[in-house]
Amino acid sequence: MLYGLMAYFDAPEKLLKAIGALKEAGYRRMEALTPNPVEGVERLLGGDGRIPWVAFALGVLGAGLALFLQVYTTLDYPMNASGKPLLGWPAFIPVTFELTILTITVGIFLYLLYQNGLPLADHPAVRAPGYVRVLLDQYGLFVYASDPRFDLEATRALLESLGAEVEEVRRA
């Protein structure tokens, strides 16, 4: 059963051009596989605009949790140390800051794992015969067969017209 087509390009500019051409043709389900970061891929493929909002919500949650725990502990076990106020907020700043950063970091990590469908034991694109080239020095574009616009011959012809070496990827 066909899983998709893997196209290999020898330059990042060709990859960006191919992504743009496929987007104009109506393709939506594709992935760029590169050996190094390529400026513009996220803009063309579309990024997830929810990530900053999730990070903000996690930060508010972390700060609120840290302040709650410190206030609760201070009120539950009050200590009168040399006449200092019971709820001296400057002492709460370091713990609140650290717990906020920890909550954002762990939360975003777990959110990205969820969004990317990871951990994925085996992705069929990895079984493409030429996949190792993407790890070394070439740029790959994987077009899923589940894309509504996908037609094996038409998609292959379009990718080859953009200067790609194309190979089929099948499920095991």
N, C-alpha and C. Protein backbone atom coordinates (compact mmCIF):
# COMPACT_ATOMS: atom_id res chain seq x y z
N MET A 1 0.85 -1.19 0.00
CA MET A 1 0.00 0.00 0.00
C MET A 1 0.89 1.24 0.00
N LEU A 2 0.59 2.18 -0.86
CA LEU A 2 1.39 3.39 -1.01
C LEU A 2 1.16 4.34 0.16
N TYR A 3 2.26 4.83 0.75
CA TYR A 3 2.18 5.78 1.86
C TYR A 3 2.41 7.21 1.37
N GLY A 4 3.23 7.37 0.33
CA GLY A 4 3.48 8.69 -0.20
C GLY A 4 4.66 8.69 -1.15
N LEU A 5 5.08 9.89 -1.53
CA LEU A 5 6.23 10.07 -2.40
C LEU A 5 7.29 10.89 -1.68
N MET A 6 8.54 10.44 -1.80
CA MET A 6 9.67 11.18 -1.24
C MET A 6 10.43 11.81 -2.40
N ALA A 7 10.61 13.13 -2.34
CA ALA A 7 11.33 13.85 -3.39
C ALA A 7 12.62 14.40 -2.79
N TYR A 8 13.72 14.27 -3.51
CA TYR A 8 15.03 14.73 -3.05
C TYR A 8 15.50 15.90 -3.90
N PHE A 9 15.97 16.94 -3.22
CA PHE A 9 16.49 18.13 -3.89
C PHE A 9 17.92 18.36 -3.43
N ASP A 10 18.74 18.95 -4.29
CA ASP A 10 20.13 19.18 -3.92
C ASP A 10 20.40 20.58 -3.36
N ALA A 11 19.38 21.43 -3.28
CA ALA A 11 19.56 22.78 -2.74
C ALA A 11 18.30 23.20 -1.97
N PRO A 12 18.47 23.96 -0.90
CA PRO A 12 17.29 24.40 -0.15
C PRO A 12 16.37 25.30 -0.94
N GLU A 13 16.91 26.06 -1.89
CA GLU A 13 16.08 26.93 -2.70
C GLU A 13 15.10 26.12 -3.55
N LYS A 14 15.58 24.99 -4.06
CA LYS A 14 14.70 24.12 -4.85
C LYS A 14 13.59 23.52 -3.98
N LEU A 15 13.95 23.19 -2.74
CA LEU A 15 12.95 22.66 -1.81
C LEU A 15 11.87 23.71 -1.55
N LEU A 16 12.28 24.94 -1.28
CA LEU A 16 11.31 26.01 -1.02
C LEU A 16 10.43 26.26 -2.24
N LYS A 17 11.03 26.22 -3.42
CA LYS A 17 10.26 26.41 -4.65
C LYS A 17 9.24 25.29 -4.83
N ALA A 18 9.65 24.06 -4.52
CA ALA A 18 8.75 22.91 -4.65
C ALA A 18 7.60 23.00 -3.65
N ILE A 19 7.88 23.39 -2.43
CA ILE A 19 6.82 23.53 -1.43
C ILE A 19 5.81 24.58 -1.90
N GLY A 20 6.32 25.70 -2.41
CA GLY A 20 5.42 26.75 -2.92
C GLY A 20 4.57 26.27 -4.08
N ALA A 21 5.19 25.52 -4.99
CA ALA A 21 4.45 25.01 -6.16
C ALA A 21 3.38 24.01 -5.74
N LEU A 22 3.71 23.14 -4.80
CA LEU A 22 2.73 22.17 -4.33
C LEU A 22 1.59 22.85 -3.58
N LYS A 23 1.91 23.87 -2.80
CA LYS A 23 0.86 24.61 -2.09
C LYS A 23 -0.08 25.29 -3.09
N GLU A 24 0.49 25.89 -4.14
CA GLU A 24 -0.33 26.53 -5.17
C GLU A 24 -1.20 25.51 -5.90
N ALA A 25 -0.70 24.28 -6.03
CA ALA A 25 -1.47 23.24 -6.70
C ALA A 25 -2.55 22.64 -5.79
N GLY A 26 -2.53 23.02 -4.52
CA GLY A 26 -3.59 22.56 -3.61
C GLY A 26 -3.20 21.45 -2.66
N TYR A 27 -1.94 21.06 -2.63
CA TYR A 27 -1.50 20.01 -1.71
C TYR A 27 -1.40 20.59 -0.30
N ARG A 28 -1.78 19.78 0.69
CA ARG A 28 -1.76 20.25 2.08
C ARG A 28 -0.98 19.32 3.01
N ARG A 29 -0.91 18.03 2.69
CA ARG A 29 -0.25 17.08 3.60
C ARG A 29 1.13 16.74 3.06
N MET A 30 2.14 17.43 3.60
CA MET A 30 3.51 17.18 3.20
C MET A 30 4.45 17.57 4.35
N GLU A 31 5.65 17.03 4.30
CA GLU A 31 6.66 17.33 5.30
C GLU A 31 7.98 17.63 4.61
N ALA A 32 8.71 18.59 5.16
CA ALA A 32 10.05 18.88 4.67
C ALA A 32 11.05 18.21 5.60
N LEU A 33 12.00 17.50 5.01
CA LEU A 33 13.04 16.79 5.77
C LEU A 33 14.38 17.36 5.33
N THR A 34 15.09 18.00 6.27
CA THR A 34 16.32 18.68 5.91
C THR A 34 17.44 18.32 6.87
N PRO A 35 18.70 18.34 6.39
CA PRO A 35 19.82 18.06 7.28
C PRO A 35 20.18 19.25 8.17
N ASN A 36 19.68 20.42 7.84
CA ASN A 36 19.93 21.63 8.63
C ASN A 36 18.71 22.55 8.53
N PRO A 37 18.59 23.52 9.43
CA PRO A 37 17.44 24.41 9.35
C PRO A 37 17.42 25.21 8.04
N VAL A 38 16.23 25.33 7.46
CA VAL A 38 16.06 26.07 6.21
C VAL A 38 15.07 27.21 6.48
N GLU A 39 15.54 28.42 6.30
CA GLU A 39 14.71 29.60 6.53
C GLU A 39 13.57 29.65 5.52
N GLY A 40 12.36 29.74 6.00
CA GLY A 40 11.19 29.88 5.14
C GLY A 40 10.32 28.64 5.06
N VAL A 41 10.80 27.50 5.53
CA VAL A 41 10.01 26.27 5.45
C VAL A 41 8.75 26.39 6.32
N GLU A 42 8.92 26.90 7.54
CA GLU A 42 7.78 27.02 8.44
C GLU A 42 6.73 27.98 7.88
N ARG A 43 7.19 29.05 7.27
CA ARG A 43 6.26 30.02 6.68
C ARG A 43 5.46 29.37 5.55
N LEU A 44 6.13 28.57 4.72
CA LEU A 44 5.45 27.94 3.58
C LEU A 44 4.54 26.79 4.01
N LEU A 45 5.01 25.97 4.94
CA LEU A 45 4.20 24.82 5.36
C LEU A 45 3.14 25.21 6.38
N GLY A 46 3.32 26.34 7.02
CA GLY A 46 2.35 26.79 8.01
C GLY A 46 2.74 26.31 9.40
N GLY A 47 3.01 27.25 10.28
CA GLY A 47 3.37 26.91 11.65
C GLY A 47 2.15 26.80 12.53
N ASP A 48 2.37 26.37 13.74
CA ASP A 48 1.29 26.24 14.71
C ASP A 48 1.24 27.51 15.55
N GLY A 49 0.27 28.36 15.32
CA GLY A 49 0.16 29.62 16.03
C GLY A 49 -0.33 29.47 17.46
N ARG A 50 -0.67 28.25 17.86
CA ARG A 50 -1.16 28.04 19.22
C ARG A 50 -0.03 27.92 20.23
N ILE A 51 1.18 27.64 19.80
CA ILE A 51 2.27 27.38 20.73
C ILE A 51 2.53 28.55 21.67
N PRO A 52 2.61 29.80 21.21
CA PRO A 52 2.82 30.90 22.16
C PRO A 52 1.69 31.02 23.19
N TRP A 53 0.47 30.74 22.78
CA TRP A 53 -0.64 30.83 23.72
C TRP A 53 -0.60 29.70 24.74
N VAL A 54 -0.20 28.52 24.30
CA VAL A 54 -0.05 27.40 25.23
C VAL A 54 1.07 27.71 26.22
N ALA A 55 2.17 28.29 25.75
CA ALA A 55 3.27 28.65 26.64
C ALA A 55 2.83 29.71 27.65
N PHE A 56 2.05 30.68 27.21
CA PHE A 56 1.56 31.70 28.12
C PHE A 56 0.65 31.09 29.19
N ALA A 57 -0.26 30.22 28.77
CA ALA A 57 -1.17 29.58 29.74
C ALA A 57 -0.39 28.72 30.73
N LEU A 58 0.62 28.01 30.24
CA LEU A 58 1.45 27.21 31.14
C LEU A 58 2.23 28.09 32.11
N GLY A 59 2.69 29.24 31.64
CA GLY A 59 3.40 30.17 32.51
C GLY A 59 2.51 30.71 33.62
N VAL A 60 1.29 31.08 33.26
CA VAL A 60 0.33 31.56 34.27
C VAL A 60 0.03 30.44 35.26
N LEU A 61 -0.15 29.23 34.76
CA LEU A 61 -0.40 28.08 35.63
C LEU A 61 0.77 27.84 36.58
N GLY A 62 1.99 27.87 36.06
CA GLY A 62 3.18 27.64 36.88
C GLY A 62 3.36 28.71 37.94
N ALA A 63 3.17 29.98 37.55
CA ALA A 63 3.31 31.08 38.52
C ALA A 63 2.22 30.99 39.58
N GLY A 64 1.02 30.71 39.16
CA GLY A 64 -0.08 30.58 40.12
C GLY A 64 0.14 29.42 41.08
N LEU A 65 0.60 28.30 40.56
CA LEU A 65 0.87 27.15 41.41
C LEU A 65 1.99 27.45 42.41
N ALA A 66 3.04 28.10 41.96
CA ALA A 66 4.16 28.43 42.85
C ALA A 66 3.71 29.39 43.95
N LEU A 67 2.98 30.43 43.59
CA LEU A 67 2.50 31.37 44.60
C LEU A 67 1.53 30.70 45.57
N PHE A 68 0.64 29.89 45.05
CA PHE A 68 -0.31 29.19 45.91
C PHE A 68 0.42 28.30 46.92
N LEU A 69 1.38 27.51 46.44
CA LEU A 69 2.10 26.61 47.34
C LEU A 69 2.86 27.37 48.42
N GLN A 70 3.48 28.48 48.04
CA GLN A 70 4.25 29.24 49.02
C GLN A 70 3.35 29.94 50.04
N VAL A 71 2.26 30.52 49.57
CA VAL A 71 1.34 31.19 50.50
C VAL A 71 0.69 30.16 51.41
N TYR A 72 0.25 29.05 50.85
CA TYR A 72 -0.39 28.00 51.64
C TYR A 72 0.57 27.48 52.72
N THR A 73 1.82 27.21 52.32
CA THR A 73 2.80 26.71 53.28
C THR A 73 3.10 27.74 54.36
N THR A 74 3.22 29.00 53.99
CA THR A 74 3.51 30.05 54.97
C THR A 74 2.36 30.22 55.95
N LEU A 75 1.12 30.16 55.45
CA LEU A 75 -0.03 30.33 56.35
C LEU A 75 -0.26 29.07 57.19
N ASP A 76 0.07 27.90 56.65
CA ASP A 76 -0.13 26.66 57.39
C ASP A 76 0.93 26.47 58.47
N TYR A 77 2.13 26.95 58.20
CA TYR A 77 3.24 26.80 59.15
C TYR A 77 3.94 28.15 59.30
N PRO A 78 3.31 29.09 60.01
CA PRO A 78 3.88 30.44 60.11
C PRO A 78 5.17 30.47 60.92
N MET A 79 6.09 31.29 60.43
CA MET A 79 7.35 31.48 61.15
C MET A 79 7.56 32.97 61.37
N ASN A 80 7.74 33.35 62.61
CA ASN A 80 8.01 34.74 62.93
C ASN A 80 9.51 34.88 63.11
N ALA A 81 10.19 35.30 62.05
CA ALA A 81 11.64 35.43 62.08
C ALA A 81 12.02 36.90 62.11
N SER A 82 12.45 37.37 63.27
CA SER A 82 12.94 38.73 63.51
C SER A 82 11.99 39.81 62.99
N GLY A 83 10.71 39.60 63.17
CA GLY A 83 9.72 40.62 62.87
C GLY A 83 9.42 40.81 61.39
N LYS A 84 9.81 39.88 60.54
CA LYS A 84 9.51 40.00 59.11
C LYS A 84 8.04 39.70 58.89
N PRO A 85 7.45 40.28 57.83
CA PRO A 85 6.03 40.03 57.58
C PRO A 85 5.77 38.56 57.25
N LEU A 86 4.58 38.12 57.57
CA LEU A 86 4.22 36.72 57.36
C LEU A 86 4.26 36.34 55.88
N LEU A 87 3.69 37.17 55.02
CA LEU A 87 3.70 36.92 53.57
C LEU A 87 4.65 37.91 52.89
N GLY A 88 5.91 37.74 53.08
CA GLY A 88 6.91 38.62 52.46
C GLY A 88 7.13 38.20 51.01
N TRP A 89 6.43 38.88 50.11
CA TRP A 89 6.42 38.48 48.70
C TRP A 89 7.79 38.50 48.03
N PRO A 90 8.75 39.36 48.40
CA PRO A 90 10.05 39.29 47.70
C PRO A 90 10.73 37.92 47.84
N ALA A 91 10.47 37.23 48.93
CA ALA A 91 11.07 35.90 49.11
C ALA A 91 10.44 34.87 48.17
N PHE A 92 9.26 35.17 47.65
CA PHE A 92 8.57 34.23 46.77
C PHE A 92 9.02 34.32 45.30
N ILE A 93 9.71 35.37 44.94
CA ILE A 93 10.06 35.61 43.54
C ILE A 93 10.94 34.51 42.94
N PRO A 94 12.04 34.09 43.56
CA PRO A 94 12.88 33.07 42.91
C PRO A 94 12.15 31.74 42.66
N VAL A 95 11.41 31.27 43.64
CA VAL A 95 10.71 30.00 43.46
C VAL A 95 9.62 30.14 42.40
N THR A 96 8.92 31.25 42.42
CA THR A 96 7.86 31.48 41.42
C THR A 96 8.45 31.52 40.02
N PHE A 97 9.56 32.22 39.84
CA PHE A 97 10.21 32.30 38.53
C PHE A 97 10.64 30.91 38.07
N GLU A 98 11.31 30.16 38.92
CA GLU A 98 11.81 28.84 38.53
C GLU A 98 10.68 27.86 38.20
N LEU A 99 9.64 27.87 39.00
CA LEU A 99 8.53 26.95 38.73
C LEU A 99 7.76 27.36 37.46
N THR A 100 7.69 28.65 37.18
CA THR A 100 7.07 29.11 35.94
C THR A 100 7.84 28.60 34.73
N ILE A 101 9.16 28.76 34.74
CA ILE A 101 10.00 28.30 33.63
C ILE A 101 9.94 26.78 33.49
N LEU A 102 9.97 26.07 34.61
CA LEU A 102 9.88 24.61 34.58
C LEU A 102 8.56 24.15 33.99
N THR A 103 7.47 24.78 34.40
CA THR A 103 6.15 24.40 33.89
C THR A 103 6.05 24.65 32.38
N ILE A 104 6.54 25.79 31.92
CA ILE A 104 6.51 26.09 30.48
C ILE A 104 7.35 25.08 29.71
N THR A 105 8.55 24.80 30.18
CA THR A 105 9.46 23.91 29.46
C THR A 105 8.89 22.50 29.35
N VAL A 106 8.49 21.94 30.46
CA VAL A 106 7.96 20.57 30.44
C VAL A 106 6.64 20.52 29.68
N GLY A 107 5.79 21.52 29.88
CA GLY A 107 4.49 21.54 29.20
C GLY A 107 4.62 21.66 27.69
N ILE A 108 5.49 22.54 27.21
CA ILE A 108 5.69 22.69 25.77
C ILE A 108 6.31 21.43 25.18
N PHE A 109 7.23 20.82 25.90
CA PHE A 109 7.83 19.56 25.44
C PHE A 109 6.74 18.51 25.24
N LEU A 110 5.88 18.33 26.22
CA LEU A 110 4.81 17.34 26.12
C LEU A 110 3.79 17.72 25.04
N TYR A 111 3.48 19.02 24.92
CA TYR A 111 2.55 19.48 23.89
C TYR A 111 3.09 19.20 22.49
N LEU A 112 4.38 19.45 22.28
CA LEU A 112 4.97 19.19 20.96
C LEU A 112 5.03 17.70 20.66
N LEU A 113 5.30 16.89 21.67
CA LEU A 113 5.24 15.44 21.45
C LEU A 113 3.85 15.03 20.99
N TYR A 114 2.83 15.57 21.64
CA TYR A 114 1.45 15.26 21.28
C TYR A 114 1.13 15.75 19.87
N GLN A 115 1.48 17.00 19.56
CA GLN A 115 1.16 17.58 18.26
C GLN A 115 1.85 16.86 17.11
N ASN A 116 3.07 16.38 17.34
CA ASN A 116 3.82 15.71 16.29
C ASN A 116 3.56 14.22 16.21
N GLY A 117 2.69 13.72 17.07
CA GLY A 117 2.36 12.30 17.04
C GLY A 117 3.50 11.42 17.53
N LEU A 118 4.34 11.98 18.38
CA LEU A 118 5.48 11.22 18.88
C LEU A 118 5.15 10.64 20.25
N PRO A 119 5.79 9.65 20.73
CA PRO A 119 6.85 8.92 20.04
C PRO A 119 6.28 7.99 18.98
N LEU A 120 6.81 8.09 17.81
CA LEU A 120 6.38 7.27 16.68
C LEU A 120 7.44 6.18 16.49
N ALA A 121 7.05 4.96 16.69
CA ALA A 121 8.01 3.86 16.65
C ALA A 121 8.66 3.72 15.27
N ASP A 122 7.87 3.89 14.22
CA ASP A 122 8.40 3.68 12.88
C ASP A 122 7.60 4.49 11.87
N HIS A 123 8.23 5.44 11.25
CA HIS A 123 7.58 6.24 10.21
C HIS A 123 7.96 5.64 8.86
N PRO A 124 7.00 5.36 8.02
CA PRO A 124 7.33 4.73 6.73
C PRO A 124 8.30 5.54 5.87
N ALA A 125 8.35 6.85 6.02
CA ALA A 125 9.27 7.65 5.22
C ALA A 125 10.72 7.29 5.51
N VAL A 126 10.98 6.81 6.71
CA VAL A 126 12.35 6.44 7.08
C VAL A 126 12.80 5.21 6.29
N ARG A 127 11.85 4.42 5.83
CA ARG A 127 12.18 3.22 5.07
C ARG A 127 12.41 3.49 3.58
N ALA A 128 12.32 4.73 3.18
CA ALA A 128 12.60 5.06 1.78
C ALA A 128 14.07 4.73 1.49
N PRO A 129 14.35 4.12 0.36
CA PRO A 129 15.73 3.70 0.07
C PRO A 129 16.75 4.84 0.12
N GLY A 130 16.36 6.02 -0.27
CA GLY A 130 17.30 7.13 -0.29
C GLY A 130 17.22 8.06 0.90
N TYR A 131 16.53 7.63 1.95
CA TYR A 131 16.31 8.50 3.11
C TYR A 131 17.62 8.98 3.75
N VAL A 132 18.64 8.16 3.71
CA VAL A 132 19.91 8.53 4.33
C VAL A 132 20.50 9.80 3.70
N ARG A 133 20.15 10.09 2.46
CA ARG A 133 20.64 11.31 1.80
C ARG A 133 20.11 12.56 2.49
N VAL A 134 18.88 12.47 3.03
CA VAL A 134 18.29 13.61 3.74
C VAL A 134 19.05 13.88 5.03
N LEU A 135 19.61 12.85 5.62
CA LEU A 135 20.37 13.02 6.85
C LEU A 135 21.74 13.63 6.60
N LEU A 136 22.23 13.52 5.38
CA LEU A 136 23.59 13.98 5.09
C LEU A 136 23.64 15.34 4.39
N ASP A 137 23.16 15.41 3.16
CA ASP A 137 23.38 16.64 2.41
C ASP A 137 22.28 17.02 1.43
N GLN A 138 21.17 16.30 1.41
CA GLN A 138 20.11 16.66 0.48
C GLN A 138 18.86 17.06 1.25
N TYR A 139 17.92 17.63 0.53
CA TYR A 139 16.70 18.15 1.13
C TYR A 139 15.52 17.35 0.59
N GLY A 140 14.70 16.86 1.51
CA GLY A 140 13.60 16.00 1.11
C GLY A 140 12.24 16.64 1.33
N LEU A 141 11.32 16.24 0.49
CA LEU A 141 9.93 16.66 0.63
C LEU A 141 9.08 15.40 0.52
N PHE A 142 8.35 15.10 1.60
CA PHE A 142 7.51 13.92 1.62
C PHE A 142 6.07 14.35 1.43
N VAL A 143 5.42 13.82 0.40
CA VAL A 143 4.02 14.12 0.11
C VAL A 143 3.20 12.88 0.44
N TYR A 144 2.27 13.04 1.36
CA TYR A 144 1.45 11.91 1.81
C TYR A 144 0.43 11.51 0.75
N ALA A 145 0.21 10.22 0.63
CA ALA A 145 -0.80 9.70 -0.30
C ALA A 145 -2.21 10.01 0.20
N SER A 146 -2.34 10.36 1.47
CA SER A 146 -3.65 10.68 2.03
C SER A 146 -4.09 12.11 1.71
N ASP A 147 -3.23 12.87 1.05
CA ASP A 147 -3.60 14.22 0.63
C ASP A 147 -4.73 14.15 -0.39
N PRO A 148 -5.77 14.98 -0.25
CA PRO A 148 -6.90 14.91 -1.20
C PRO A 148 -6.49 15.16 -2.66
N ARG A 149 -5.44 15.94 -2.90
CA ARG A 149 -5.02 16.25 -4.27
C ARG A 149 -4.05 15.21 -4.82
N PHE A 150 -3.66 14.23 -4.02
CA PHE A 150 -2.63 13.28 -4.43
C PHE A 150 -3.12 12.37 -5.54
N ASP A 151 -2.35 12.34 -6.61
CA ASP A 151 -2.51 11.39 -7.70
C ASP A 151 -1.09 10.95 -8.03
N LEU A 152 -0.85 9.66 -7.99
CA LEU A 152 0.51 9.15 -8.09
C LEU A 152 1.27 9.72 -9.29
N GLU A 153 0.70 9.59 -10.45
CA GLU A 153 1.42 10.03 -11.66
C GLU A 153 1.52 11.55 -11.75
N ALA A 154 0.44 12.25 -11.43
CA ALA A 154 0.45 13.71 -11.53
C ALA A 154 1.40 14.31 -10.50
N THR A 155 1.39 13.79 -9.29
CA THR A 155 2.27 14.31 -8.24
C THR A 155 3.72 14.01 -8.59
N ARG A 156 3.99 12.81 -9.07
CA ARG A 156 5.36 12.46 -9.47
C ARG A 156 5.85 13.38 -10.60
N ALA A 157 4.98 13.61 -11.57
CA ALA A 157 5.37 14.48 -12.70
C ALA A 157 5.63 15.91 -12.23
N LEU A 158 4.81 16.40 -11.31
CA LEU A 158 5.00 17.76 -10.80
C LEU A 158 6.32 17.86 -10.05
N LEU A 159 6.63 16.89 -9.20
CA LEU A 159 7.88 16.92 -8.44
C LEU A 159 9.09 16.79 -9.36
N GLU A 160 9.00 15.92 -10.35
CA GLU A 160 10.11 15.77 -11.28
C GLU A 160 10.31 17.03 -12.12
N SER A 161 9.22 17.72 -12.45
CA SER A 161 9.36 18.97 -13.21
C SER A 161 10.02 20.07 -12.37
N LEU A 162 10.00 19.91 -11.06
CA LEU A 162 10.65 20.87 -10.17
C LEU A 162 12.10 20.49 -9.88
N GLY A 163 12.59 19.44 -10.53
CA GLY A 163 14.00 19.05 -10.40
C GLY A 163 14.28 18.06 -9.29
N ALA A 164 13.31 17.27 -8.92
CA ALA A 164 13.50 16.32 -7.82
C ALA A 164 13.70 14.90 -8.33
N GLU A 165 14.43 14.12 -7.55
CA GLU A 165 14.45 12.68 -7.73
C GLU A 165 13.34 12.14 -6.85
N VAL A 166 12.44 11.37 -7.42
CA VAL A 166 11.25 10.94 -6.70
C VAL A 166 11.25 9.42 -6.54
N GLU A 167 10.86 8.97 -5.34
CA GLU A 167 10.69 7.55 -5.13
C GLU A 167 9.44 7.30 -4.29
N GLU A 168 8.83 6.14 -4.53
CA GLU A 168 7.63 5.78 -3.80
C GLU A 168 7.99 5.21 -2.44
N VAL A 169 7.14 5.47 -1.47
CA VAL A 169 7.32 4.92 -0.13
C VAL A 169 6.06 4.11 0.18
N ARG A 170 6.29 2.84 0.51
CA ARG A 170 5.16 1.94 0.79
C ARG A 170 5.17 1.54 2.26
N ARG A 171 3.96 1.25 2.75
CA ARG A 171 3.84 0.74 4.12
C ARG A 171 4.34 -0.69 4.17
N ALA A 172 4.79 -1.08 5.33
CA ALA A 172 5.28 -2.47 5.48
C ALA A 172 4.13 -3.44 5.63
